């Protein structure tokens, strides 16, 4: 999972780099621009098709300890139909938004993300 996160987060920069390198090499005049778009589209579609061809029905193992615990729960008490690890009821959207906006740390996060 860590490797997948690393590949996913660095692939954007790699794609931008490839785009900057391909542009001047493929386009010398305005009439060549459609060829650049076709090559860029092919480079974007190829990994998607590969992922679709290899996409498994389910992961071979749970992605985390919490998912493993959810998949094989401890014995459920007699007469109980609820999963023992089921999350507590969450607030609706408006209540959740009010809770988030009341947190000073959320304001700092928004400010930091806005500056970047």
Protein backbone atom coordinates (compact mmCIF):
# COMPACT_ATOMS: atom_id res chain seq x y z
CA UNK A 1 0.00 0.00 0.00
CA UNK A 2 2.87 2.35 0.76
CA UNK A 3 4.47 1.64 -2.61
CA UNK A 4 1.18 2.30 -4.41
CA UNK A 5 0.81 5.62 -2.61
CA UNK A 6 4.38 6.59 -3.52
CA UNK A 7 3.89 5.69 -7.18
CA UNK A 8 0.57 7.50 -7.33
CA UNK A 9 1.86 10.69 -5.74
CA UNK A 10 5.00 10.92 -7.88
CA UNK A 11 3.42 9.94 -11.18
CA UNK A 12 1.80 13.35 -11.60
CA UNK A 13 5.18 15.08 -11.63
CA UNK A 14 6.56 12.45 -13.98
CA UNK A 15 3.65 12.98 -16.37
CA UNK A 16 4.18 16.73 -16.38
CA UNK A 17 7.88 16.22 -17.07
CA UNK A 18 7.17 13.88 -19.97
CA UNK A 19 4.64 16.37 -21.35
CA UNK A 20 7.16 19.20 -21.26
CA UNK A 21 9.77 17.05 -22.98
CA UNK A 22 7.44 15.68 -25.68
CA UNK A 23 5.85 18.98 -26.65
CA UNK A 24 8.79 20.67 -28.33
CA UNK A 25 9.95 17.42 -29.94
CA UNK A 26 6.59 16.58 -31.52
CA UNK A 27 5.35 20.05 -32.44
CA UNK A 28 7.39 22.27 -34.71
CA UNK A 29 4.42 24.08 -36.27
CA UNK A 30 0.74 24.52 -35.49
CA UNK A 31 -0.32 21.69 -37.81
CA UNK A 32 1.60 19.19 -35.63
CA UNK A 33 -0.42 19.98 -32.51
CA UNK A 34 -3.09 17.28 -33.08
CA UNK A 35 -0.31 14.67 -33.13
CA UNK A 36 0.84 15.87 -29.69
CA UNK A 37 -2.71 15.51 -28.39
CA UNK A 38 -2.98 11.98 -29.82
CA UNK A 39 0.33 10.90 -28.25
CA UNK A 40 -0.68 12.44 -24.92
CA UNK A 41 -4.05 10.69 -25.03
CA UNK A 42 -2.38 7.36 -25.85
CA UNK A 43 0.02 7.78 -22.94
CA UNK A 44 -2.91 8.48 -20.64
CA UNK A 45 -5.19 5.70 -21.89
CA UNK A 46 -2.56 2.92 -22.01
CA UNK A 47 -2.10 2.62 -18.21
CA UNK A 48 -5.87 2.77 -17.71
CA UNK A 49 -6.39 -0.14 -20.09
CA UNK A 50 -3.61 -2.11 -18.41
CA UNK A 51 -5.20 -1.52 -15.00
CA UNK A 52 -8.62 -2.59 -16.30
CA UNK A 53 -7.16 -5.76 -17.81
CA UNK A 54 -5.47 -6.71 -14.54
CA UNK A 55 -8.10 -5.45 -12.08
CA UNK A 56 -8.81 -8.31 -9.63
CA UNK A 57 -12.25 -9.14 -8.27
CA UNK A 58 -11.01 -8.57 -4.72
CA UNK A 59 -7.65 -7.92 -3.08
CA UNK A 60 -5.62 -10.99 -2.13
CA UNK A 61 -5.38 -9.77 1.46
CA UNK A 62 -7.09 -7.03 3.48
CA UNK A 63 -5.50 -3.58 3.02
CA UNK A 64 -5.32 -2.90 6.76
CA UNK A 65 -5.72 -4.48 10.18
CA UNK A 66 -9.12 -2.79 10.52
CA UNK A 67 -10.31 -4.35 7.25
CA UNK A 68 -9.07 -7.76 8.42
CA UNK A 69 -10.96 -7.37 11.70
CA UNK A 70 -14.09 -6.35 9.82
CA UNK A 71 -13.85 -9.37 7.51
CA UNK A 72 -13.58 -11.86 10.39
CA UNK A 73 -15.45 -10.33 13.35
CA UNK A 74 -15.51 -11.85 16.82
CA UNK A 75 -18.57 -13.81 17.84
CA UNK A 76 -21.75 -11.75 17.77
CA UNK A 77 -23.82 -11.78 20.94
CA UNK A 78 -26.99 -13.83 20.79
CA UNK A 79 -29.93 -11.90 19.43
CA UNK A 80 -27.75 -9.15 17.98
CA UNK A 81 -27.83 -8.59 14.24
CA UNK A 82 -25.46 -5.63 14.10
CA UNK A 83 -21.82 -6.15 13.26
CA UNK A 84 -19.74 -5.67 16.44
CA UNK A 85 -17.31 -3.32 14.67
CA UNK A 86 -19.96 -1.21 12.94
CA UNK A 87 -19.20 2.53 13.22
CA UNK A 88 -21.37 4.75 15.35
CA UNK A 89 -24.06 6.75 13.60
CA UNK A 90 -22.51 9.69 11.80
CA UNK A 91 -24.04 13.16 11.62
CA UNK A 92 -25.81 14.29 8.48
CA UNK A 93 -24.06 16.65 6.09
CA UNK A 94 -25.21 19.92 7.67
CA UNK A 95 -24.29 18.78 11.19
CA UNK A 96 -20.92 17.51 9.99
CA UNK A 97 -20.23 20.78 8.19
CA UNK A 98 -21.06 22.72 11.35
CA UNK A 99 -18.72 20.49 13.38
CA UNK A 100 -15.87 20.95 10.89
CA UNK A 101 -16.29 24.72 10.63
CA UNK A 102 -16.18 25.00 14.44
CA UNK A 103 -12.66 23.51 14.51
CA UNK A 104 -9.82 26.06 14.35
CA UNK A 105 -7.53 23.40 12.89
CA UNK A 106 -9.82 23.13 9.85
CA UNK A 107 -9.42 26.86 9.20
CA UNK A 108 -5.64 26.47 9.34
CA UNK A 109 -5.80 23.54 6.92
CA UNK A 110 -7.91 25.54 4.46
CA UNK A 111 -5.52 28.49 4.76
CA UNK A 112 -2.46 26.29 4.19
CA UNK A 113 -4.05 24.52 1.21
CA UNK A 114 -5.12 27.86 -0.27
CA UNK A 115 -1.59 29.22 -0.06
CA UNK A 116 -0.13 26.18 -1.82
